Amino acid sequence: MEITIQGLNMKVNDGVVSYARKKLDRLDRYLPGITDVRLDLSTENSRRGGNLKIAQLTVYHRRGAILRAEERVNNEFEIAINQAIEKMYRQITRFKGKRVDRRRAGDRYQATVEELELAEAMPEETALATEAAETFPDVVEEAILRRKVLDLAPMTEEEAIKQMELLAHDFFLFFNAELGTFSVLYKRDTGGYGLLIPKIA
């Protein structure tokens, strides 16, 4: 399992890197098959004063599933890291909870029986992670405040639903292997899912 820790437009001090690496080094105990772990740290000005500390944690599984958790706190990076890891524990629990049957053992969004047998029991929540953190909604401004580059692997609509649920998102952009174009999957307020398919006018 390879761990990458980096600051976005900032330098991360050695103490924070050492702390994060020690915490992240345990993840593959709870979910065998993790190939890469990426932690992005950044700051953002808060409208209430001070700087928000942001920790975004992304876990890549060998079968193609991606798990992601983000935490924003008006405190120290260590607390943001702890709370992002606690969110990741819940993502891993969701992944492991989707038991796969023998006929669909290749499903990349569900833990296999073998992975469940190798995995350790999930840890209890830490004191730091259970502290209430102040979170603030993003403020809509004229300028684009954040850009993200997405690595999009072709997938079916069924796979896109599973990946979106795994990430606990309300919408999901993916390359639709069945249509050969990009699509946006989203949750409908009335239940079920919707699919946006672009068409050049």
N, C-alpha and C. Protein backbone atom coordinates (compact mmCIF):
# COMPACT_ATOMS: atom_id res chain seq x y z
N MET A 1 0.84 -1.18 0.00
CA MET A 1 0.00 0.00 0.00
C MET A 1 0.88 1.24 0.00
N GLU A 2 0.70 2.10 -0.99
CA GLU A 2 1.49 3.32 -1.11
C GLU A 2 0.70 4.50 -0.55
N ILE A 3 1.35 5.29 0.30
CA ILE A 3 0.71 6.45 0.92
C ILE A 3 1.34 7.73 0.38
N THR A 4 0.50 8.64 -0.12
CA THR A 4 0.96 9.93 -0.60
C THR A 4 0.28 11.03 0.21
N ILE A 5 1.09 11.91 0.78
CA ILE A 5 0.57 13.03 1.57
C ILE A 5 1.11 14.32 0.96
N GLN A 6 0.23 15.22 0.60
CA GLN A 6 0.71 16.47 0.02
C GLN A 6 -0.17 17.64 0.39
N GLY A 7 0.45 18.81 0.42
CA GLY A 7 -0.28 20.03 0.66
C GLY A 7 -0.63 20.69 -0.66
N LEU A 8 -1.83 21.22 -0.75
CA LEU A 8 -2.25 21.93 -1.95
C LEU A 8 -1.98 23.41 -1.76
N ASN A 9 -1.01 23.92 -2.51
CA ASN A 9 -0.58 25.33 -2.41
C ASN A 9 -0.09 25.68 -1.00
N MET A 10 0.52 24.71 -0.36
CA MET A 10 1.06 24.94 0.98
C MET A 10 2.08 23.84 1.29
N LYS A 11 2.95 24.12 2.25
CA LYS A 11 3.92 23.13 2.70
C LYS A 11 3.41 22.50 3.99
N VAL A 12 3.42 21.18 4.03
CA VAL A 12 2.96 20.45 5.21
C VAL A 12 4.18 20.15 6.08
N ASN A 13 4.11 20.51 7.36
CA ASN A 13 5.28 20.29 8.22
C ASN A 13 5.47 18.80 8.53
N ASP A 14 6.69 18.43 8.88
CA ASP A 14 7.06 17.03 9.07
C ASP A 14 6.25 16.37 10.18
N GLY A 15 5.88 17.14 11.21
CA GLY A 15 5.11 16.57 12.31
C GLY A 15 3.75 16.09 11.86
N VAL A 16 3.08 16.90 11.01
CA VAL A 16 1.76 16.52 10.50
C VAL A 16 1.88 15.31 9.57
N VAL A 17 2.90 15.29 8.73
CA VAL A 17 3.12 14.17 7.81
C VAL A 17 3.34 12.88 8.60
N SER A 18 4.18 12.94 9.63
CA SER A 18 4.47 11.77 10.45
C SER A 18 3.21 11.28 11.16
N TYR A 19 2.42 12.21 11.68
CA TYR A 19 1.18 11.86 12.36
C TYR A 19 0.21 11.18 11.40
N ALA A 20 0.04 11.78 10.22
CA ALA A 20 -0.90 11.24 9.24
C ALA A 20 -0.46 9.86 8.76
N ARG A 21 0.82 9.71 8.47
CA ARG A 21 1.32 8.43 7.96
C ARG A 21 1.09 7.31 8.98
N LYS A 22 1.31 7.62 10.25
CA LYS A 22 1.10 6.61 11.30
C LYS A 22 -0.36 6.16 11.34
N LYS A 23 -1.28 7.11 11.19
CA LYS A 23 -2.71 6.79 11.19
C LYS A 23 -3.12 6.02 9.95
N LEU A 24 -2.62 6.47 8.79
CA LEU A 24 -3.05 5.88 7.52
C LEU A 24 -2.46 4.50 7.29
N ASP A 25 -1.33 4.23 7.91
CA ASP A 25 -0.65 2.95 7.72
C ASP A 25 -1.50 1.77 8.18
N ARG A 26 -2.55 2.04 8.95
CA ARG A 26 -3.39 0.97 9.50
C ARG A 26 -4.56 0.60 8.60
N LEU A 27 -4.84 1.41 7.57
CA LEU A 27 -6.07 1.23 6.82
C LEU A 27 -6.20 -0.14 6.17
N ASP A 28 -5.09 -0.66 5.64
CA ASP A 28 -5.21 -1.95 4.94
C ASP A 28 -5.42 -3.12 5.89
N ARG A 29 -5.31 -2.88 7.19
CA ARG A 29 -5.67 -3.93 8.14
C ARG A 29 -7.18 -4.19 8.10
N TYR A 30 -7.94 -3.12 7.88
CA TYR A 30 -9.39 -3.22 7.92
C TYR A 30 -9.99 -3.50 6.56
N LEU A 31 -9.23 -3.23 5.49
CA LEU A 31 -9.69 -3.55 4.14
C LEU A 31 -8.51 -4.03 3.30
N PRO A 32 -8.27 -5.33 3.27
CA PRO A 32 -7.20 -5.86 2.40
C PRO A 32 -7.47 -5.52 0.94
N GLY A 33 -6.42 -5.26 0.19
CA GLY A 33 -6.59 -4.95 -1.23
C GLY A 33 -6.42 -3.48 -1.55
N ILE A 34 -6.16 -2.64 -0.54
CA ILE A 34 -5.89 -1.23 -0.82
C ILE A 34 -4.53 -1.11 -1.49
N THR A 35 -4.47 -0.40 -2.62
CA THR A 35 -3.20 -0.22 -3.33
C THR A 35 -2.58 1.14 -3.05
N ASP A 36 -3.42 2.19 -2.98
CA ASP A 36 -2.92 3.55 -2.80
C ASP A 36 -3.81 4.31 -1.84
N VAL A 37 -3.18 5.15 -1.04
CA VAL A 37 -3.89 6.06 -0.15
C VAL A 37 -3.33 7.45 -0.41
N ARG A 38 -4.22 8.41 -0.64
CA ARG A 38 -3.78 9.78 -0.92
C ARG A 38 -4.47 10.73 0.07
N LEU A 39 -3.66 11.55 0.72
CA LEU A 39 -4.19 12.56 1.63
C LEU A 39 -3.77 13.93 1.13
N ASP A 40 -4.77 14.77 0.80
CA ASP A 40 -4.51 16.14 0.36
C ASP A 40 -4.92 17.08 1.49
N LEU A 41 -4.00 17.94 1.88
CA LEU A 41 -4.24 18.91 2.94
C LEU A 41 -4.23 20.32 2.37
N SER A 42 -5.16 21.13 2.81
CA SER A 42 -5.22 22.51 2.31
C SER A 42 -5.90 23.39 3.35
N THR A 43 -5.85 24.69 3.11
CA THR A 43 -6.53 25.64 3.99
C THR A 43 -7.46 26.50 3.15
N GLU A 44 -8.45 27.07 3.82
CA GLU A 44 -9.41 27.93 3.13
C GLU A 44 -9.89 28.99 4.13
N ASN A 45 -9.97 30.22 3.68
CA ASN A 45 -10.44 31.28 4.57
C ASN A 45 -11.90 31.06 4.94
N SER A 46 -12.19 31.22 6.22
CA SER A 46 -13.56 31.08 6.71
C SER A 46 -14.21 32.45 6.80
N ARG A 47 -15.49 32.51 6.47
CA ARG A 47 -16.22 33.78 6.57
C ARG A 47 -16.35 34.21 8.03
N ARG A 48 -16.22 33.26 8.94
CA ARG A 48 -16.33 33.59 10.36
C ARG A 48 -14.97 33.94 10.97
N GLY A 49 -13.97 34.02 10.13
CA GLY A 49 -12.63 34.36 10.61
C GLY A 49 -11.76 33.12 10.75
N GLY A 50 -10.46 33.30 10.55
CA GLY A 50 -9.53 32.18 10.66
C GLY A 50 -9.49 31.35 9.40
N ASN A 51 -8.70 30.29 9.47
CA ASN A 51 -8.54 29.39 8.33
C ASN A 51 -9.14 28.03 8.63
N LEU A 52 -9.90 27.52 7.68
CA LEU A 52 -10.37 26.14 7.78
C LEU A 52 -9.24 25.21 7.38
N LYS A 53 -9.06 24.14 8.11
CA LYS A 53 -8.10 23.10 7.75
C LYS A 53 -8.89 21.98 7.06
N ILE A 54 -8.46 21.63 5.85
CA ILE A 54 -9.19 20.65 5.04
C ILE A 54 -8.32 19.41 4.81
N ALA A 55 -8.89 18.25 5.10
CA ALA A 55 -8.21 16.98 4.85
C ALA A 55 -9.10 16.15 3.94
N GLN A 56 -8.60 15.85 2.74
CA GLN A 56 -9.34 14.99 1.81
C GLN A 56 -8.57 13.68 1.65
N LEU A 57 -9.23 12.60 1.97
CA LEU A 57 -8.60 11.28 1.97
C LEU A 57 -9.23 10.42 0.87
N THR A 58 -8.40 9.85 0.02
CA THR A 58 -8.87 9.00 -1.07
C THR A 58 -8.17 7.66 -1.00
N VAL A 59 -8.95 6.58 -1.06
CA VAL A 59 -8.41 5.22 -0.99
C VAL A 59 -8.75 4.50 -2.29
N TYR A 60 -7.75 3.89 -2.90
CA TYR A 60 -7.93 3.14 -4.15
C TYR A 60 -7.80 1.65 -3.86
N HIS A 61 -8.81 0.90 -4.25
CA HIS A 61 -8.80 -0.55 -4.04
C HIS A 61 -8.31 -1.23 -5.32
N ARG A 62 -7.70 -2.39 -5.17
CA ARG A 62 -7.09 -3.06 -6.33
C ARG A 62 -8.10 -3.46 -7.39
N ARG A 63 -9.38 -3.58 -7.02
CA ARG A 63 -10.40 -3.96 -8.01
C ARG A 63 -11.09 -2.75 -8.63
N GLY A 64 -10.58 -1.54 -8.36
CA GLY A 64 -11.08 -0.36 -9.06
C GLY A 64 -11.99 0.54 -8.26
N ALA A 65 -12.45 0.10 -7.10
CA ALA A 65 -13.32 0.95 -6.29
C ALA A 65 -12.52 2.10 -5.69
N ILE A 66 -13.17 3.24 -5.54
CA ILE A 66 -12.55 4.43 -4.94
C ILE A 66 -13.41 4.86 -3.76
N LEU A 67 -12.78 5.05 -2.61
CA LEU A 67 -13.46 5.54 -1.41
C LEU A 67 -12.88 6.91 -1.08
N ARG A 68 -13.73 7.85 -0.73
CA ARG A 68 -13.24 9.20 -0.46
C ARG A 68 -13.94 9.79 0.76
N ALA A 69 -13.18 10.53 1.56
CA ALA A 69 -13.74 11.22 2.72
C ALA A 69 -13.05 12.57 2.86
N GLU A 70 -13.81 13.58 3.24
CA GLU A 70 -13.25 14.92 3.42
C GLU A 70 -13.77 15.52 4.70
N GLU A 71 -12.90 16.23 5.40
CA GLU A 71 -13.31 16.91 6.63
C GLU A 71 -12.73 18.31 6.66
N ARG A 72 -13.53 19.26 7.14
CA ARG A 72 -13.11 20.66 7.27
C ARG A 72 -13.32 21.08 8.72
N VAL A 73 -12.29 21.58 9.35
CA VAL A 73 -12.41 22.01 10.74
C VAL A 73 -11.75 23.37 10.92
N ASN A 74 -12.26 24.10 11.90
CA ASN A 74 -11.67 25.38 12.24
C ASN A 74 -10.72 25.14 13.41
N ASN A 75 -9.75 24.25 13.16
CA ASN A 75 -8.87 23.79 14.24
C ASN A 75 -7.55 23.34 13.64
N GLU A 76 -6.96 22.28 14.20
CA GLU A 76 -5.67 21.80 13.74
C GLU A 76 -5.82 20.73 12.65
N PHE A 77 -4.77 20.55 11.84
CA PHE A 77 -4.79 19.53 10.81
C PHE A 77 -4.98 18.13 11.40
N GLU A 78 -4.40 17.90 12.58
CA GLU A 78 -4.51 16.57 13.18
C GLU A 78 -5.97 16.18 13.42
N ILE A 79 -6.79 17.15 13.83
CA ILE A 79 -8.21 16.86 14.05
C ILE A 79 -8.92 16.62 12.73
N ALA A 80 -8.60 17.42 11.71
CA ALA A 80 -9.19 17.20 10.38
C ALA A 80 -8.82 15.81 9.86
N ILE A 81 -7.57 15.41 10.05
CA ILE A 81 -7.11 14.08 9.60
C ILE A 81 -7.86 12.98 10.33
N ASN A 82 -7.97 13.12 11.66
CA ASN A 82 -8.67 12.11 12.45
C ASN A 82 -10.12 11.95 12.00
N GLN A 83 -10.79 13.06 11.78
CA GLN A 83 -12.20 12.99 11.41
C GLN A 83 -12.39 12.47 9.99
N ALA A 84 -11.46 12.79 9.10
CA ALA A 84 -11.53 12.23 7.74
C ALA A 84 -11.32 10.72 7.79
N ILE A 85 -10.41 10.27 8.64
CA ILE A 85 -10.18 8.83 8.78
C ILE A 85 -11.41 8.13 9.36
N GLU A 86 -12.07 8.76 10.32
CA GLU A 86 -13.29 8.18 10.87
C GLU A 86 -14.36 8.05 9.80
N LYS A 87 -14.48 9.05 8.93
CA LYS A 87 -15.43 8.95 7.81
C LYS A 87 -15.03 7.81 6.89
N MET A 88 -13.70 7.66 6.68
CA MET A 88 -13.23 6.58 5.82
C MET A 88 -13.55 5.22 6.44
N TYR A 89 -13.46 5.11 7.76
CA TYR A 89 -13.85 3.85 8.42
C TYR A 89 -15.29 3.50 8.08
N ARG A 90 -16.16 4.51 8.07
CA ARG A 90 -17.56 4.24 7.74
C ARG A 90 -17.72 3.83 6.27
N GLN A 91 -16.90 4.44 5.40
CA GLN A 91 -16.93 4.04 3.99
C GLN A 91 -16.47 2.58 3.83
N ILE A 92 -15.42 2.23 4.57
CA ILE A 92 -14.91 0.85 4.52
C ILE A 92 -15.95 -0.12 5.06
N THR A 93 -16.63 0.27 6.14
CA THR A 93 -17.68 -0.58 6.70
C THR A 93 -18.79 -0.79 5.68
N ARG A 94 -19.15 0.28 4.95
CA ARG A 94 -20.17 0.15 3.91
C ARG A 94 -19.69 -0.78 2.80
N PHE A 95 -18.43 -0.65 2.41
CA PHE A 95 -17.87 -1.50 1.37
C PHE A 95 -17.87 -2.96 1.81
N LYS A 96 -17.47 -3.20 3.05
CA LYS A 96 -17.41 -4.57 3.56
C LYS A 96 -18.80 -5.14 3.83
N GLY A 97 -19.74 -4.25 4.07
CA GLY A 97 -21.09 -4.71 4.36
C GLY A 97 -21.82 -5.22 3.14
N LYS A 98 -21.34 -4.85 1.96
CA LYS A 98 -21.96 -5.32 0.72
C LYS A 98 -21.39 -6.69 0.38
N ARG A 99 -21.87 -7.70 1.07
CA ARG A 99 -21.34 -9.05 0.84
C ARG A 99 -21.69 -9.52 -0.57
N VAL A 100 -20.74 -10.15 -1.18
CA VAL A 100 -20.90 -10.58 -2.57
C VAL A 100 -21.25 -12.05 -2.61
N ASP A 101 -22.12 -12.46 -3.54
CA ASP A 101 -22.43 -13.87 -3.65
C ASP A 101 -21.46 -14.54 -4.62
N ARG A 102 -21.48 -15.85 -4.65
CA ARG A 102 -20.49 -16.61 -5.42
C ARG A 102 -20.62 -16.37 -6.93
N ARG A 103 -21.81 -16.04 -7.38
CA ARG A 103 -22.01 -15.86 -8.83
C ARG A 103 -21.45 -14.54 -9.32
N ARG A 104 -21.22 -13.58 -8.37
CA ARG A 104 -20.75 -12.26 -8.80
C ARG A 104 -19.48 -11.88 -8.04
N ALA A 105 -18.58 -12.84 -7.94
CA ALA A 105 -17.36 -12.65 -7.15
C ALA A 105 -16.43 -11.60 -7.74
N GLY A 106 -16.69 -11.15 -8.99
CA GLY A 106 -15.82 -10.17 -9.60
C GLY A 106 -16.27 -8.73 -9.39
N ASP A 107 -17.34 -8.53 -8.65
CA ASP A 107 -17.87 -7.18 -8.45
C ASP A 107 -16.87 -6.34 -7.68
N ARG A 108 -16.37 -5.27 -8.31
CA ARG A 108 -15.30 -4.49 -7.70
C ARG A 108 -15.79 -3.55 -6.61
N TYR A 109 -17.10 -3.39 -6.46
CA TYR A 109 -17.63 -2.47 -5.46
C TYR A 109 -18.15 -3.19 -4.22
N GLN A 110 -17.84 -4.46 -4.09
CA GLN A 110 -18.24 -5.23 -2.94
C GLN A 110 -17.07 -6.06 -2.44
N ALA A 111 -16.93 -6.16 -1.14
CA ALA A 111 -15.86 -6.97 -0.57
C ALA A 111 -16.11 -8.44 -0.83
N THR A 112 -15.06 -9.17 -1.16
CA THR A 112 -15.19 -10.61 -1.35
C THR A 112 -15.16 -11.31 -0.01
N VAL A 113 -15.57 -12.57 -0.01
CA VAL A 113 -15.53 -13.37 1.21
C VAL A 113 -14.10 -13.45 1.74
N GLU A 114 -13.13 -13.61 0.83
CA GLU A 114 -11.72 -13.71 1.23
C GLU A 114 -11.24 -12.43 1.90
N GLU A 115 -11.64 -11.28 1.35
CA GLU A 115 -11.24 -9.99 1.95
C GLU A 115 -11.84 -9.82 3.33
N LEU A 116 -13.08 -10.25 3.49
CA LEU A 116 -13.73 -10.13 4.80
C LEU A 116 -13.05 -11.03 5.83
N GLU A 117 -12.58 -12.20 5.39
CA GLU A 117 -11.92 -13.11 6.32
C GLU A 117 -10.56 -12.57 6.77
N LEU A 118 -9.87 -11.84 5.88
CA LEU A 118 -8.54 -11.30 6.21
C LEU A 118 -8.61 -10.00 7.01
N ALA A 119 -9.73 -9.29 6.91
CA ALA A 119 -9.83 -7.97 7.52
C ALA A 119 -9.94 -8.05 9.03
N GLU A 120 -9.30 -7.10 9.72
CA GLU A 120 -9.45 -6.97 11.16
C GLU A 120 -10.76 -6.25 11.47
N ALA A 121 -11.21 -6.38 12.70
CA ALA A 121 -12.40 -5.66 13.13
C ALA A 121 -12.13 -4.17 13.09
N MET A 122 -13.13 -3.39 12.77
CA MET A 122 -12.96 -1.94 12.68
C MET A 122 -12.70 -1.36 14.07
N PRO A 123 -11.84 -0.34 14.16
CA PRO A 123 -11.53 0.26 15.46
C PRO A 123 -12.69 1.09 15.98
N GLU A 124 -12.70 1.32 17.29
CA GLU A 124 -13.69 2.19 17.88
C GLU A 124 -13.32 3.63 17.58
N GLU A 125 -14.30 4.51 17.63
CA GLU A 125 -14.04 5.91 17.33
C GLU A 125 -13.09 6.51 18.36
N THR A 126 -12.18 7.35 17.89
CA THR A 126 -11.23 8.00 18.78
C THR A 126 -11.84 9.24 19.39
N ALA A 127 -11.28 9.69 20.50
CA ALA A 127 -11.80 10.88 21.17
C ALA A 127 -11.70 12.10 20.27
N LEU A 128 -10.56 12.23 19.55
CA LEU A 128 -10.40 13.38 18.68
C LEU A 128 -11.43 13.39 17.57
N ALA A 129 -11.71 12.21 17.04
CA ALA A 129 -12.62 12.15 15.90
C ALA A 129 -14.06 12.41 16.29
N THR A 130 -14.40 12.20 17.54
CA THR A 130 -15.78 12.41 17.94
C THR A 130 -16.04 13.83 18.43
N GLU A 131 -15.00 14.67 18.50
CA GLU A 131 -15.21 16.06 18.87
C GLU A 131 -16.02 16.75 17.78
N ALA A 132 -16.91 17.61 18.18
CA ALA A 132 -17.71 18.34 17.19
C ALA A 132 -16.81 19.33 16.47
N ALA A 133 -16.88 19.28 15.14
CA ALA A 133 -16.07 20.19 14.34
C ALA A 133 -17.00 21.19 13.65
N GLU A 134 -16.55 22.42 13.57
CA GLU A 134 -17.33 23.43 12.86
C GLU A 134 -17.13 23.22 11.37
N THR A 135 -18.22 23.15 10.64
CA THR A 135 -18.12 23.04 9.19
C THR A 135 -18.92 24.18 8.58
N PHE A 136 -18.46 24.67 7.50
CA PHE A 136 -19.10 25.82 6.88
C PHE A 136 -19.39 25.49 5.42
N PRO A 137 -20.59 25.85 4.93
CA PRO A 137 -20.91 25.60 3.52
C PRO A 137 -20.05 26.45 2.61
N ASP A 138 -19.81 25.91 1.43
CA ASP A 138 -19.07 26.68 0.44
C ASP A 138 -19.88 27.92 0.05
N VAL A 139 -19.21 29.01 -0.14
CA VAL A 139 -19.87 30.26 -0.53
C VAL A 139 -19.76 30.41 -2.04
N VAL A 140 -20.90 30.65 -2.68
CA VAL A 140 -20.89 30.81 -4.13
C VAL A 140 -20.39 32.20 -4.46
N GLU A 141 -19.32 32.27 -5.22
CA GLU A 141 -18.78 33.54 -5.66
C GLU A 141 -18.59 33.47 -7.17
N GLU A 142 -18.24 34.59 -7.74
CA GLU A 142 -18.08 34.62 -9.19
C GLU A 142 -16.89 33.78 -9.63
N ALA A 143 -15.80 33.80 -8.85
CA ALA A 143 -14.60 33.07 -9.24
C ALA A 143 -14.74 31.60 -8.90
N ILE A 144 -14.10 30.77 -9.72
CA ILE A 144 -14.03 29.34 -9.41
C ILE A 144 -12.97 29.16 -8.33
N LEU A 145 -13.38 28.63 -7.19
CA LEU A 145 -12.47 28.51 -6.05
C LEU A 145 -11.73 27.19 -6.02
N ARG A 146 -12.23 26.21 -6.74
CA ARG A 146 -11.59 24.90 -6.66
C ARG A 146 -11.77 24.15 -7.96
N ARG A 147 -10.72 23.52 -8.40
CA ARG A 147 -10.78 22.68 -9.59
C ARG A 147 -10.28 21.29 -9.23
N LYS A 148 -10.93 20.27 -9.76
CA LYS A 148 -10.51 18.90 -9.50
C LYS A 148 -10.35 18.16 -10.81
N VAL A 149 -9.27 17.41 -10.92
CA VAL A 149 -9.05 16.57 -12.09
C VAL A 149 -9.53 15.17 -11.73
N LEU A 150 -10.42 14.62 -12.55
CA LEU A 150 -10.99 13.31 -12.28
C LEU A 150 -10.43 12.28 -13.23
N ASP A 151 -10.00 11.15 -12.67
CA ASP A 151 -9.60 10.01 -13.49
C ASP A 151 -10.85 9.16 -13.70
N LEU A 152 -11.35 9.14 -14.93
CA LEU A 152 -12.61 8.46 -15.21
C LEU A 152 -12.37 7.16 -15.96
N ALA A 153 -12.65 6.06 -15.30
CA ALA A 153 -12.56 4.75 -15.95
C ALA A 153 -13.93 4.41 -16.53
N PRO A 154 -13.99 3.81 -17.72
CA PRO A 154 -15.29 3.42 -18.28
C PRO A 154 -16.01 2.46 -17.34
N MET A 155 -17.32 2.67 -17.16
CA MET A 155 -18.10 1.77 -16.32
C MET A 155 -19.54 1.75 -16.79
N THR A 156 -20.26 0.71 -16.38
CA THR A 156 -21.67 0.60 -16.71
C THR A 156 -22.48 1.49 -15.77
N GLU A 157 -23.74 1.68 -16.09
CA GLU A 157 -24.61 2.48 -15.23
C GLU A 157 -24.78 1.83 -13.87
N GLU A 158 -24.87 0.51 -13.83
CA GLU A 158 -24.98 -0.21 -12.55
C GLU A 158 -23.73 0.00 -11.71
N GLU A 159 -22.56 -0.06 -12.34
CA GLU A 159 -21.31 0.16 -11.61
C GLU A 159 -21.23 1.60 -11.10
N ALA A 160 -21.73 2.54 -11.89
CA ALA A 160 -21.72 3.95 -11.46
C ALA A 160 -22.58 4.15 -10.22
N ILE A 161 -23.73 3.49 -10.16
CA ILE A 161 -24.59 3.58 -8.98
C ILE A 161 -23.86 3.06 -7.75
N LYS A 162 -23.19 1.92 -7.89
CA LYS A 162 -22.47 1.34 -6.76
C LYS A 162 -21.33 2.24 -6.31
N GLN A 163 -20.59 2.83 -7.27
CA GLN A 163 -19.48 3.71 -6.90
C GLN A 163 -20.01 4.98 -6.23
N MET A 164 -21.12 5.53 -6.73
CA MET A 164 -21.68 6.73 -6.12
C MET A 164 -22.14 6.45 -4.70
N GLU A 165 -22.79 5.31 -4.48
CA GLU A 165 -23.24 4.96 -3.13
C GLU A 165 -22.05 4.74 -2.20
N LEU A 166 -20.98 4.18 -2.74
CA LEU A 166 -19.78 3.93 -1.95
C LEU A 166 -19.16 5.25 -1.50
N LEU A 167 -19.21 6.26 -2.37
CA LEU A 167 -18.66 7.57 -2.04
C LEU A 167 -19.64 8.42 -1.23
N ALA A 168 -20.88 7.96 -1.11
CA ALA A 168 -21.94 8.68 -0.40
C ALA A 168 -22.19 10.06 -1.01
N HIS A 169 -22.17 10.12 -2.35
CA HIS A 169 -22.45 11.36 -3.06
C HIS A 169 -23.88 11.39 -3.57
N ASP A 170 -24.37 12.59 -3.87
CA ASP A 170 -25.70 12.73 -4.46
C ASP A 170 -25.66 12.74 -5.98
N PHE A 171 -24.47 12.94 -6.54
CA PHE A 171 -24.33 12.88 -8.00
C PHE A 171 -22.95 12.30 -8.33
N PHE A 172 -22.81 11.84 -9.56
CA PHE A 172 -21.56 11.16 -9.93
C PHE A 172 -21.34 11.28 -11.44
N LEU A 173 -20.19 11.85 -11.81
CA LEU A 173 -19.81 11.97 -13.22
C LEU A 173 -18.98 10.75 -13.60
N PHE A 174 -19.33 10.11 -14.72
CA PHE A 174 -18.58 8.93 -15.15
C PHE A 174 -18.61 8.82 -16.67
N PHE A 175 -17.68 8.01 -17.19
CA PHE A 175 -17.69 7.73 -18.63
C PHE A 175 -18.54 6.49 -18.84
N ASN A 176 -19.66 6.67 -19.52
CA ASN A 176 -20.63 5.61 -19.71
C ASN A 176 -20.15 4.64 -20.79
N ALA A 177 -19.74 3.44 -20.37
CA ALA A 177 -19.19 2.45 -21.31
C ALA A 177 -20.25 1.97 -22.28
N GLU A 178 -21.51 2.01 -21.87
CA GLU A 178 -22.59 1.52 -22.73
C GLU A 178 -22.94 2.52 -23.83
N LEU A 179 -22.79 3.82 -23.52
CA LEU A 179 -23.14 4.86 -24.49
C LEU A 179 -21.92 5.48 -25.18
N GLY A 180 -20.74 5.25 -24.60
CA GLY A 180 -19.52 5.82 -25.18
C GLY A 180 -19.42 7.33 -24.99
N THR A 181 -20.00 7.84 -23.92
CA THR A 181 -19.96 9.27 -23.66
C THR A 181 -20.00 9.50 -22.15
N PHE A 182 -19.79 10.75 -21.73
CA PHE A 182 -19.87 11.08 -20.32
C PHE A 182 -21.33 11.18 -19.89
N SER A 183 -21.61 10.77 -18.66
CA SER A 183 -22.96 10.87 -18.10
C SER A 183 -22.85 11.32 -16.66
N VAL A 184 -23.93 11.92 -16.18
CA VAL A 184 -24.01 12.32 -14.76
C VAL A 184 -25.17 11.58 -14.14
N LEU A 185 -24.86 10.81 -13.12
CA LEU A 185 -25.87 10.08 -12.36
C LEU A 185 -26.23 10.91 -11.13
N TYR A 186 -27.50 10.96 -10.76
CA TYR A 186 -27.88 11.73 -9.58
C TYR A 186 -29.06 11.06 -8.86
N LYS A 187 -29.18 11.38 -7.57
CA LYS A 187 -30.29 10.87 -6.78
C LYS A 187 -31.49 11.80 -6.92
N ARG A 188 -32.66 11.23 -7.16
CA ARG A 188 -33.88 12.02 -7.29
C ARG A 188 -34.49 12.25 -5.91
N ASP A 189 -35.07 13.41 -5.70
CA ASP A 189 -35.71 13.72 -4.41
C ASP A 189 -36.85 12.76 -4.10
N THR A 190 -37.49 12.26 -5.14
CA THR A 190 -38.63 11.37 -4.96
C THR A 190 -38.21 9.90 -4.89
N GLY A 191 -36.90 9.65 -4.90
CA GLY A 191 -36.40 8.28 -4.85
C GLY A 191 -35.90 7.82 -6.19
N GLY A 192 -34.99 6.86 -6.17
CA GLY A 192 -34.42 6.35 -7.40
C GLY A 192 -33.31 7.26 -7.92
N TYR A 193 -32.92 7.04 -9.16
CA TYR A 193 -31.80 7.76 -9.76
C TYR A 193 -32.22 8.40 -11.07
N GLY A 194 -31.50 9.44 -11.43
CA GLY A 194 -31.65 10.06 -12.74
C GLY A 194 -30.32 10.02 -13.47
N LEU A 195 -30.35 10.14 -14.78
CA LEU A 195 -29.13 10.10 -15.58
C LEU A 195 -29.16 11.24 -16.59
N LEU A 196 -28.12 12.08 -16.57
CA LEU A 196 -27.97 13.15 -17.54
C LEU A 196 -27.02 12.70 -18.64
N ILE A 197 -27.49 12.77 -19.88
CA ILE A 197 -26.69 12.35 -21.02
C ILE A 197 -26.50 13.56 -21.92
N PRO A 198 -25.26 14.04 -22.09
CA PRO A 198 -25.05 15.26 -22.89
C PRO A 198 -25.33 15.05 -24.38
N LYS A 199 -25.85 16.11 -25.01
CA LYS A 199 -26.08 16.09 -26.45
C LYS A 199 -25.72 17.46 -26.98
N ILE A 200 -24.80 17.48 -27.95
CA ILE A 200 -24.37 18.75 -28.52
C ILE A 200 -25.49 19.30 -29.41
N ALA A 201 -25.92 20.53 -29.12
CA ALA A 201 -27.02 21.13 -29.89
C ALA A 201 -26.53 21.59 -31.25
